[in-house]
Amino acid sequence: VVLNIRAEAKNPKTFPKILYSGVVTSLVIFIFFGTICYWCYREDTREIITINFIPESAITLFIKIAVCYNALCSYPLQALAAF
């Protein structure tokens, strides 16, 4: 998707700057959010985020399955073709 956006841009030379600023902005937002959440919960925070979803219900089970599905589907298929 990123390559297609670059090819369709009016000025492709500015694309790396825009991509860099978008990644940095996302990184700052995630770091800020993670810091605030850790500051609020401190010792109650566990390493794996889905372990925090207690009590077990249909929604938390769905979230855990969705996280596993995302992990499996985001693995590059080209890496599998090499084997």
PDB file of N, CA and C in Angstrom:
ATOM      1  N   VAL A   1       0.832  -1.188   0.000  1.00  0.00           N
ATOM      2  CA  VAL A   1       0.000   0.000   0.000  1.00  0.00           C
ATOM      3  C   VAL A   1       0.876   1.251   0.000  1.00  0.00           C
ATOM      4  N   VAL A   2       1.963   1.224   0.767  1.00  0.00           N
ATOM      5  CA  VAL A   2       2.832   2.388   0.849  1.00  0.00           C
ATOM      6  C   VAL A   2       3.437   2.697  -0.511  1.00  0.00           C
ATOM      7  N   LEU A   3       3.860   1.672  -1.244  1.00  0.00           N
ATOM      8  CA  LEU A   3       4.452   1.895  -2.560  1.00  0.00           C
ATOM      9  C   LEU A   3       3.426   2.475  -3.530  1.00  0.00           C
ATOM     10  N   ASN A   4       2.193   2.012  -3.457  1.00  0.00           N
ATOM     11  CA  ASN A   4       1.152   2.548  -4.335  1.00  0.00           C
ATOM     12  C   ASN A   4       0.875   4.008  -4.035  1.00  0.00           C
ATOM     13  N   ILE A   5       0.874   4.380  -2.781  1.00  0.00           N
ATOM     14  CA  ILE A   5       0.643   5.773  -2.419  1.00  0.00           C
ATOM     15  C   ILE A   5       1.776   6.639  -2.952  1.00  0.00           C
ATOM     16  N   ARG A   6       2.995   6.156  -2.842  1.00  0.00           N
ATOM     17  CA  ARG A   6       4.142   6.919  -3.342  1.00  0.00           C
ATOM     18  C   ARG A   6       4.056   7.091  -4.857  1.00  0.00           C
ATOM     19  N   ALA A   7       3.653   6.060  -5.563  1.00  0.00           N
ATOM     20  CA  ALA A   7       3.561   6.135  -7.017  1.00  0.00           C
ATOM     21  C   ALA A   7       2.471   7.102  -7.464  1.00  0.00           C
ATOM     22  N   GLU A   8       1.402   7.216  -6.687  1.00  0.00           N
ATOM     23  CA  GLU A   8       0.279   8.072  -7.058  1.00  0.00           C
ATOM     24  C   GLU A   8       0.405   9.501  -6.530  1.00  0.00           C
ATOM     25  N   ALA A   9       1.421   9.763  -5.726  1.00  0.00           N
ATOM     26  CA  ALA A   9       1.572  11.102  -5.141  1.00  0.00           C
ATOM     27  C   ALA A   9       1.924  12.131  -6.210  1.00  0.00           C
ATOM     28  N   LYS A  10       1.495  13.381  -5.977  1.00  0.00           N
ATOM     29  CA  LYS A  10       1.821  14.454  -6.912  1.00  0.00           C
ATOM     30  C   LYS A  10       3.314  14.750  -6.900  1.00  0.00           C
ATOM     31  N   ASN A  11       3.908  14.694  -5.720  1.00  0.00           N
ATOM     32  CA  ASN A  11       5.334  14.972  -5.579  1.00  0.00           C
ATOM     33  C   ASN A  11       5.978  13.826  -4.797  1.00  0.00           C
ATOM     34  N   PRO A  12       6.430  12.774  -5.482  1.00  0.00           N
ATOM     35  CA  PRO A  12       6.972  11.596  -4.795  1.00  0.00           C
ATOM     36  C   PRO A  12       8.238  11.877  -3.988  1.00  0.00           C
ATOM     37  N   LYS A  13       8.923  12.971  -4.276  1.00  0.00           N
ATOM     38  CA  LYS A  13      10.160  13.273  -3.543  1.00  0.00           C
ATOM     39  C   LYS A  13       9.894  13.653  -2.090  1.00  0.00           C
ATOM     40  N   THR A  14       8.709  14.169  -1.793  1.00  0.00           N
ATOM     41  CA  THR A  14       8.377  14.545  -0.411  1.00  0.00           C
ATOM     42  C   THR A  14       7.792  13.380   0.379  1.00  0.00           C
ATOM     43  N   PHE A  15       7.544  12.264  -0.292  1.00  0.00           N
ATOM     44  CA  PHE A  15       6.920  11.126   0.374  1.00  0.00           C
ATOM     45  C   PHE A  15       7.716  10.599   1.567  1.00  0.00           C
ATOM     46  N   PRO A  16       9.056  10.439   1.473  1.00  0.00           N
ATOM     47  CA  PRO A  16       9.789   9.941   2.649  1.00  0.00           C
ATOM     48  C   PRO A  16       9.631  10.830   3.884  1.00  0.00           C
ATOM     49  N   LYS A  17       9.568  12.134   3.697  1.00  0.00           N
ATOM     50  CA  LYS A  17       9.377  13.045   4.835  1.00  0.00           C
ATOM     51  C   LYS A  17       7.999  12.855   5.456  1.00  0.00           C
ATOM     52  N   ILE A  18       7.002  12.701   4.616  1.00  0.00           N
ATOM     53  CA  ILE A  18       5.639  12.506   5.115  1.00  0.00           C
ATOM     54  C   ILE A  18       5.522  11.163   5.831  1.00  0.00           C
ATOM     55  N   LEU A  19       6.108  10.118   5.255  1.00  0.00           N
ATOM     56  CA  LEU A  19       6.085   8.803   5.889  1.00  0.00           C
ATOM     57  C   LEU A  19       6.811   8.837   7.224  1.00  0.00           C
ATOM     58  N   TYR A  20       7.968   9.473   7.268  1.00  0.00           N
ATOM     59  CA  TYR A  20       8.748   9.588   8.504  1.00  0.00           C
ATOM     60  C   TYR A  20       7.948  10.336   9.575  1.00  0.00           C
ATOM     61  N   SER A  21       7.322  11.436   9.212  1.00  0.00           N
ATOM     62  CA  SER A  21       6.555  12.193  10.209  1.00  0.00           C
ATOM     63  C   SER A  21       5.347  11.401  10.708  1.00  0.00           C
ATOM     64  N   GLY A  22       4.730  10.618   9.836  1.00  0.00           N
ATOM     65  CA  GLY A  22       3.605   9.779  10.256  1.00  0.00           C
ATOM     66  C   GLY A  22       4.024   8.684  11.214  1.00  0.00           C
ATOM     67  N   VAL A  23       5.162   8.050  10.935  1.00  0.00           N
ATOM     68  CA  VAL A  23       5.662   6.998  11.818  1.00  0.00           C
ATOM     69  C   VAL A  23       6.074   7.578  13.166  1.00  0.00           C
ATOM     70  N   VAL A  24       6.753   8.708  13.144  1.00  0.00           N
ATOM     71  CA  VAL A  24       7.181   9.342  14.399  1.00  0.00           C
ATOM     72  C   VAL A  24       5.970   9.784  15.213  1.00  0.00           C
ATOM     73  N   THR A  25       4.965  10.346  14.570  1.00  0.00           N
ATOM     74  CA  THR A  25       3.754  10.761  15.280  1.00  0.00           C
ATOM     75  C   THR A  25       3.065   9.564  15.923  1.00  0.00           C
ATOM     76  N   SER A  26       2.939   8.463  15.191  1.00  0.00           N
ATOM     77  CA  SER A  26       2.332   7.251  15.748  1.00  0.00           C
ATOM     78  C   SER A  26       3.140   6.723  16.919  1.00  0.00           C
ATOM     79  N   LEU A  27       4.454   6.732  16.788  1.00  0.00           N
ATOM     80  CA  LEU A  27       5.325   6.259  17.855  1.00  0.00           C
ATOM     81  C   LEU A  27       5.167   7.098  19.114  1.00  0.00           C
ATOM     82  N   VAL A  28       5.114   8.409  18.961  1.00  0.00           N
ATOM     83  CA  VAL A  28       4.952   9.294  20.120  1.00  0.00           C
ATOM     84  C   VAL A  28       3.608   9.047  20.799  1.00  0.00           C
ATOM     85  N   ILE A  29       2.555   8.868  20.007  1.00  0.00           N
ATOM     86  CA  ILE A  29       1.230   8.612  20.585  1.00  0.00           C
ATOM     87  C   ILE A  29       1.229   7.287  21.348  1.00  0.00           C
ATOM     88  N   PHE A  30       1.814   6.217  20.776  1.00  0.00           N
ATOM     89  CA  PHE A  30       1.858   4.928  21.462  1.00  0.00           C
ATOM     90  C   PHE A  30       2.699   4.995  22.735  1.00  0.00           C
ATOM     91  N   ILE A  31       3.828   5.688  22.686  1.00  0.00           N
ATOM     92  CA  ILE A  31       4.668   5.820  23.889  1.00  0.00           C
ATOM     93  C   ILE A  31       3.928   6.610  24.965  1.00  0.00           C
ATOM     94  N   PHE A  32       3.272   7.684  24.581  1.00  0.00           N
ATOM     95  CA  PHE A  32       2.517   8.488  25.545  1.00  0.00           C
ATOM     96  C   PHE A  32       1.399   7.665  26.177  1.00  0.00           C
ATOM     97  N   PHE A  33       0.628   6.964  25.356  1.00  0.00           N
ATOM     98  CA  PHE A  33      -0.476   6.155  25.853  1.00  0.00           C
ATOM     99  C   PHE A  33       0.032   5.037  26.758  1.00  0.00           C
ATOM    100  N   GLY A  34       1.095   4.356  26.347  1.00  0.00           N
ATOM    101  CA  GLY A  34       1.664   3.280  27.162  1.00  0.00           C
ATOM    102  C   GLY A  34       2.204   3.775  28.489  1.00  0.00           C
ATOM    103  N   THR A  35       2.841   4.938  28.482  1.00  0.00           N
ATOM    104  CA  THR A  35       3.370   5.510  29.724  1.00  0.00           C
ATOM    105  C   THR A  35       2.254   5.875  30.686  1.00  0.00           C
ATOM    106  N   ILE A  36       1.212   6.494  30.181  1.00  0.00           N
ATOM    107  CA  ILE A  36       0.071   6.860  31.029  1.00  0.00           C
ATOM    108  C   ILE A  36      -0.597   5.613  31.605  1.00  0.00           C
ATOM    109  N   CYS A  37      -0.786   4.592  30.764  1.00  0.00           N
ATOM    110  CA  CYS A  37      -1.421   3.356  31.251  1.00  0.00           C
ATOM    111  C   CYS A  37      -0.560   2.679  32.305  1.00  0.00           C
ATOM    112  N   TYR A  38       0.752   2.617  32.082  1.00  0.00           N
ATOM    113  CA  TYR A  38       1.620   1.995  33.074  1.00  0.00           C
ATOM    114  C   TYR A  38       1.643   2.816  34.355  1.00  0.00           C
ATOM    115  N   TRP A  39       1.625   4.122  34.238  1.00  0.00           N
ATOM    116  CA  TRP A  39       1.625   4.990  35.411  1.00  0.00           C
ATOM    117  C   TRP A  39       0.356   4.769  36.237  1.00  0.00           C
ATOM    118  N   CYS A  40      -0.762   4.523  35.573  1.00  0.00           N
ATOM    119  CA  CYS A  40      -2.025   4.312  36.290  1.00  0.00           C
ATOM    120  C   CYS A  40      -2.074   2.955  36.980  1.00  0.00           C
ATOM    121  N   TYR A  41      -1.584   1.896  36.327  1.00  0.00           N
ATOM    122  CA  TYR A  41      -1.755   0.544  36.848  1.00  0.00           C
ATOM    123  C   TYR A  41      -0.511  -0.042  37.500  1.00  0.00           C
ATOM    124  N   ARG A  42       0.656   0.474  37.201  1.00  0.00           N
ATOM    125  CA  ARG A  42       1.948   0.071  37.770  1.00  0.00           C
ATOM    126  C   ARG A  42       2.120  -1.438  37.908  1.00  0.00           C
ATOM    127  N   GLU A  43       2.113  -1.951  39.113  1.00  0.00           N
ATOM    128  CA  GLU A  43       2.434  -3.361  39.371  1.00  0.00           C
ATOM    129  C   GLU A  43       1.358  -4.324  38.877  1.00  0.00           C
ATOM    130  N   ASP A  44       0.160  -3.835  38.597  1.00  0.00           N
ATOM    131  CA  ASP A  44      -0.902  -4.703  38.100  1.00  0.00           C
ATOM    132  C   ASP A  44      -0.769  -4.995  36.612  1.00  0.00           C
ATOM    133  N   THR A  45       0.155  -4.321  35.939  1.00  0.00           N
ATOM    134  CA  THR A  45       0.362  -4.528  34.513  1.00  0.00           C
ATOM    135  C   THR A  45       1.158  -5.806  34.281  1.00  0.00           C
ATOM    136  N   ARG A  46       0.671  -6.637  33.391  1.00  0.00           N
ATOM    137  CA  ARG A  46       1.360  -7.874  33.052  1.00  0.00           C
ATOM    138  C   ARG A  46       2.037  -7.720  31.693  1.00  0.00           C
ATOM    139  N   GLU A  47       2.993  -8.598  31.408  1.00  0.00           N
ATOM    140  CA  GLU A  47       3.761  -8.474  30.177  1.00  0.00           C
ATOM    141  C   GLU A  47       2.911  -8.678  28.935  1.00  0.00           C
ATOM    142  N   ILE A  48       2.076  -9.683  28.946  1.00  0.00           N
ATOM    143  CA  ILE A  48       1.226  -9.963  27.793  1.00  0.00           C
ATOM    144  C   ILE A  48      -0.117  -9.285  28.038  1.00  0.00           C
ATOM    145  N   ILE A  49      -0.486  -8.374  27.173  1.00  0.00           N
ATOM    146  CA  ILE A  49      -1.648  -7.513  27.413  1.00  0.00           C
ATOM    147  C   ILE A  49      -2.943  -8.308  27.519  1.00  0.00           C
ATOM    148  N   THR A  50      -3.073  -9.409  26.786  1.00  0.00           N
ATOM    149  CA  THR A  50      -4.336 -10.143  26.837  1.00  0.00           C
ATOM    150  C   THR A  50      -4.532 -10.889  28.152  1.00  0.00           C
ATOM    151  N   ILE A  51      -3.468 -11.076  28.941  1.00  0.00           N
ATOM    152  CA  ILE A  51      -3.629 -11.711  30.249  1.00  0.00           C
ATOM    153  C   ILE A  51      -4.374 -10.774  31.201  1.00  0.00           C
ATOM    154  N   ASN A  52      -4.332  -9.481  30.937  1.00  0.00           N
ATOM    155  CA  ASN A  52      -5.023  -8.511  31.781  1.00  0.00           C
ATOM    156  C   ASN A  52      -6.539  -8.580  31.625  1.00  0.00           C
ATOM    157  N   PHE A  53      -7.038  -9.253  30.598  1.00  0.00           N
ATOM    158  CA  PHE A  53      -8.475  -9.309  30.343  1.00  0.00           C
ATOM    159  C   PHE A  53      -9.128 -10.384  31.202  1.00  0.00           C
ATOM    160  N   ILE A  54      -9.377 -10.061  32.439  1.00  0.00           N
ATOM    161  CA  ILE A  54     -10.025 -10.980  33.365  1.00  0.00           C
ATOM    162  C   ILE A  54     -11.227 -10.257  33.933  1.00  0.00           C
ATOM    163  N   PRO A  55     -12.361 -10.810  34.101  1.00  0.00           N
ATOM    164  CA  PRO A  55     -12.732 -12.219  33.982  1.00  0.00           C
ATOM    165  C   PRO A  55     -12.938 -12.628  32.526  1.00  0.00           C
ATOM    166  N   GLU A  56     -12.831 -13.909  32.299  1.00  0.00           N
ATOM    167  CA  GLU A  56     -12.982 -14.466  30.954  1.00  0.00           C
ATOM    168  C   GLU A  56     -14.436 -14.349  30.525  1.00  0.00           C
ATOM    169  N   SER A  57     -14.650 -13.736  29.389  1.00  0.00           N
ATOM    170  CA  SER A  57     -16.000 -13.618  28.840  1.00  0.00           C
ATOM    171  C   SER A  57     -15.915 -13.817  27.329  1.00  0.00           C
ATOM    172  N   ALA A  58     -17.035 -13.724  26.667  1.00  0.00           N
ATOM    173  CA  ALA A  58     -17.062 -13.916  25.219  1.00  0.00           C
ATOM    174  C   ALA A  58     -16.270 -12.817  24.509  1.00  0.00           C
ATOM    175  N   ILE A  59     -16.335 -11.609  25.024  1.00  0.00           N
ATOM    176  CA  ILE A  59     -15.613 -10.498  24.391  1.00  0.00           C
ATOM    177  C   ILE A  59     -14.112 -10.675  24.544  1.00  0.00           C
ATOM    178  N   THR A  60     -13.644 -11.022  25.740  1.00  0.00           N
ATOM    179  CA  THR A  60     -12.206 -11.203  25.927  1.00  0.00           C
ATOM    180  C   THR A  60     -11.692 -12.407  25.136  1.00  0.00           C
ATOM    181  N   LEU A  61     -12.497 -13.457  25.041  1.00  0.00           N
ATOM    182  CA  LEU A  61     -12.106 -14.604  24.226  1.00  0.00           C
ATOM    183  C   LEU A  61     -12.004 -14.207  22.754  1.00  0.00           C
ATOM    184  N   PHE A  62     -12.945 -13.406  22.285  1.00  0.00           N
ATOM    185  CA  PHE A  62     -12.902 -12.920  20.906  1.00  0.00           C
ATOM    186  C   PHE A  62     -11.652 -12.077  20.663  1.00  0.00           C
ATOM    187  N   ILE A  63     -11.298 -11.211  21.609  1.00  0.00           N
ATOM    188  CA  ILE A  63     -10.105 -10.371  21.457  1.00  0.00           C
ATOM    189  C   ILE A  63      -8.843 -11.229  21.402  1.00  0.00           C
ATOM    190  N   LYS A  64      -8.752 -12.232  22.259  1.00  0.00           N
ATOM    191  CA  LYS A  64      -7.582 -13.116  22.242  1.00  0.00           C
ATOM    192  C   LYS A  64      -7.477 -13.873  20.922  1.00  0.00           C
ATOM    193  N   ILE A  65      -8.600 -14.366  20.412  1.00  0.00           N
ATOM    194  CA  ILE A  65      -8.593 -15.065  19.129  1.00  0.00           C
ATOM    195  C   ILE A  65      -8.213 -14.112  18.002  1.00  0.00           C
ATOM    196  N   ALA A  66      -8.721 -12.890  18.042  1.00  0.00           N
ATOM    197  CA  ALA A  66      -8.397 -11.905  17.008  1.00  0.00           C
ATOM    198  C   ALA A  66      -6.912 -11.548  17.028  1.00  0.00           C
ATOM    199  N   VAL A  67      -6.316 -11.435  18.207  1.00  0.00           N
ATOM    200  CA  VAL A  67      -4.878 -11.150  18.311  1.00  0.00           C
ATOM    201  C   VAL A  67      -4.067 -12.305  17.731  1.00  0.00           C
ATOM    202  N   CYS A  68      -4.453 -13.532  18.033  1.00  0.00           N
ATOM    203  CA  CYS A  68      -3.752 -14.694  17.474  1.00  0.00           C
ATOM    204  C   CYS A  68      -3.911 -14.760  15.959  1.00  0.00           C
ATOM    205  N   TYR A  69      -5.101 -14.496  15.474  1.00  0.00           N
ATOM    206  CA  TYR A  69      -5.355 -14.495  14.030  1.00  0.00           C
ATOM    207  C   TYR A  69      -4.512 -13.423  13.343  1.00  0.00           C
ATOM    208  N   ASN A  70      -4.432 -12.251  13.933  1.00  0.00           N
ATOM    209  CA  ASN A  70      -3.630 -11.168  13.377  1.00  0.00           C
ATOM    210  C   ASN A  70      -2.160 -11.564  13.322  1.00  0.00           C
ATOM    211  N   ALA A  71      -1.670 -12.207  14.368  1.00  0.00           N
ATOM    212  CA  ALA A  71      -0.273 -12.630  14.385  1.00  0.00           C
ATOM    213  C   ALA A  71       0.007 -13.660  13.295  1.00  0.00           C
ATOM    214  N   LEU A  72      -0.921 -14.579  13.087  1.00  0.00           N
ATOM    215  CA  LEU A  72      -0.728 -15.594  12.052  1.00  0.00           C
ATOM    216  C   LEU A  72      -0.833 -15.018  10.648  1.00  0.00           C
ATOM    217  N   CYS A  73      -1.766 -14.108  10.442  1.00  0.00           N
ATOM    218  CA  CYS A  73      -1.987 -13.569   9.102  1.00  0.00           C
ATOM    219  C   CYS A  73      -0.999 -12.471   8.726  1.00  0.00           C
ATOM    220  N   SER A  74      -0.323 -11.890   9.686  1.00  0.00           N
ATOM    221  CA  SER A  74       0.617 -10.825   9.361  1.00  0.00           C
ATOM    222  C   SER A  74       2.004 -11.355   9.038  1.00  0.00           C
ATOM    223  N   TYR A  75       2.207 -12.662   9.163  1.00  0.00           N
ATOM    224  CA  TYR A  75       3.500 -13.255   8.809  1.00  0.00           C
ATOM    225  C   TYR A  75       3.645 -13.232   7.296  1.00  0.00           C
ATOM    226  N   PRO A  76       4.764 -12.745   6.788  1.00  0.00           N
ATOM    227  CA  PRO A  76       4.921 -12.629   5.332  1.00  0.00           C
ATOM    228  C   PRO A  76       4.868 -13.993   4.637  1.00  0.00           C
ATOM    229  N   LEU A  77       4.059 -14.084   3.616  1.00  0.00           N
ATOM    230  CA  LEU A  77       3.930 -15.341   2.895  1.00  0.00           C
ATOM    231  C   LEU A  77       5.164 -15.654   2.066  1.00  0.00           C
ATOM    232  N   GLN A  78       5.912 -14.648   1.687  1.00  0.00           N
ATOM    233  CA  GLN A  78       7.138 -14.876   0.924  1.00  0.00           C
ATOM    234  C   GLN A  78       8.167 -15.635   1.759  1.00  0.00           C
ATOM    235  N   ALA A  79       8.167 -15.394   3.064  1.00  0.00           N
ATOM    236  CA  ALA A  79       9.091 -16.114   3.929  1.00  0.00           C
ATOM    237  C   ALA A  79       8.717 -17.597   3.988  1.00  0.00           C
ATOM    238  N   LEU A  80       7.440 -17.896   3.927  1.00  0.00           N
ATOM    239  CA  LEU A  80       7.004 -19.287   3.918  1.00  0.00           C
ATOM    240  C   LEU A  80       7.348 -19.954   2.587  1.00  0.00           C
ATOM    241  N   ALA A  81       7.298 -19.207   1.500  1.00  0.00           N
ATOM    242  CA  ALA A  81       7.598 -19.772   0.193  1.00  0.00           C
ATOM    243  C   ALA A  81       9.077 -20.132   0.059  1.00  0.00           C
ATOM    244  N   ALA A  82       9.931 -19.527   0.877  1.00  0.00           N
ATOM    245  CA  ALA A  82      11.365 -19.817   0.816  1.00  0.00           C
ATOM    246  C   ALA A  82      11.675 -21.220   1.301  1.00  0.00           C
ATOM    247  N   PHE A  83      10.796 -21.758   2.160  1.00  0.00           N
ATOM    248  CA  PHE A  83      11.030 -23.098   2.678  1.00  0.00           C
ATOM    249  C   PHE A  83      10.519 -24.067   1.697  1.00  0.00           C
TER     250      PHE A  83
END
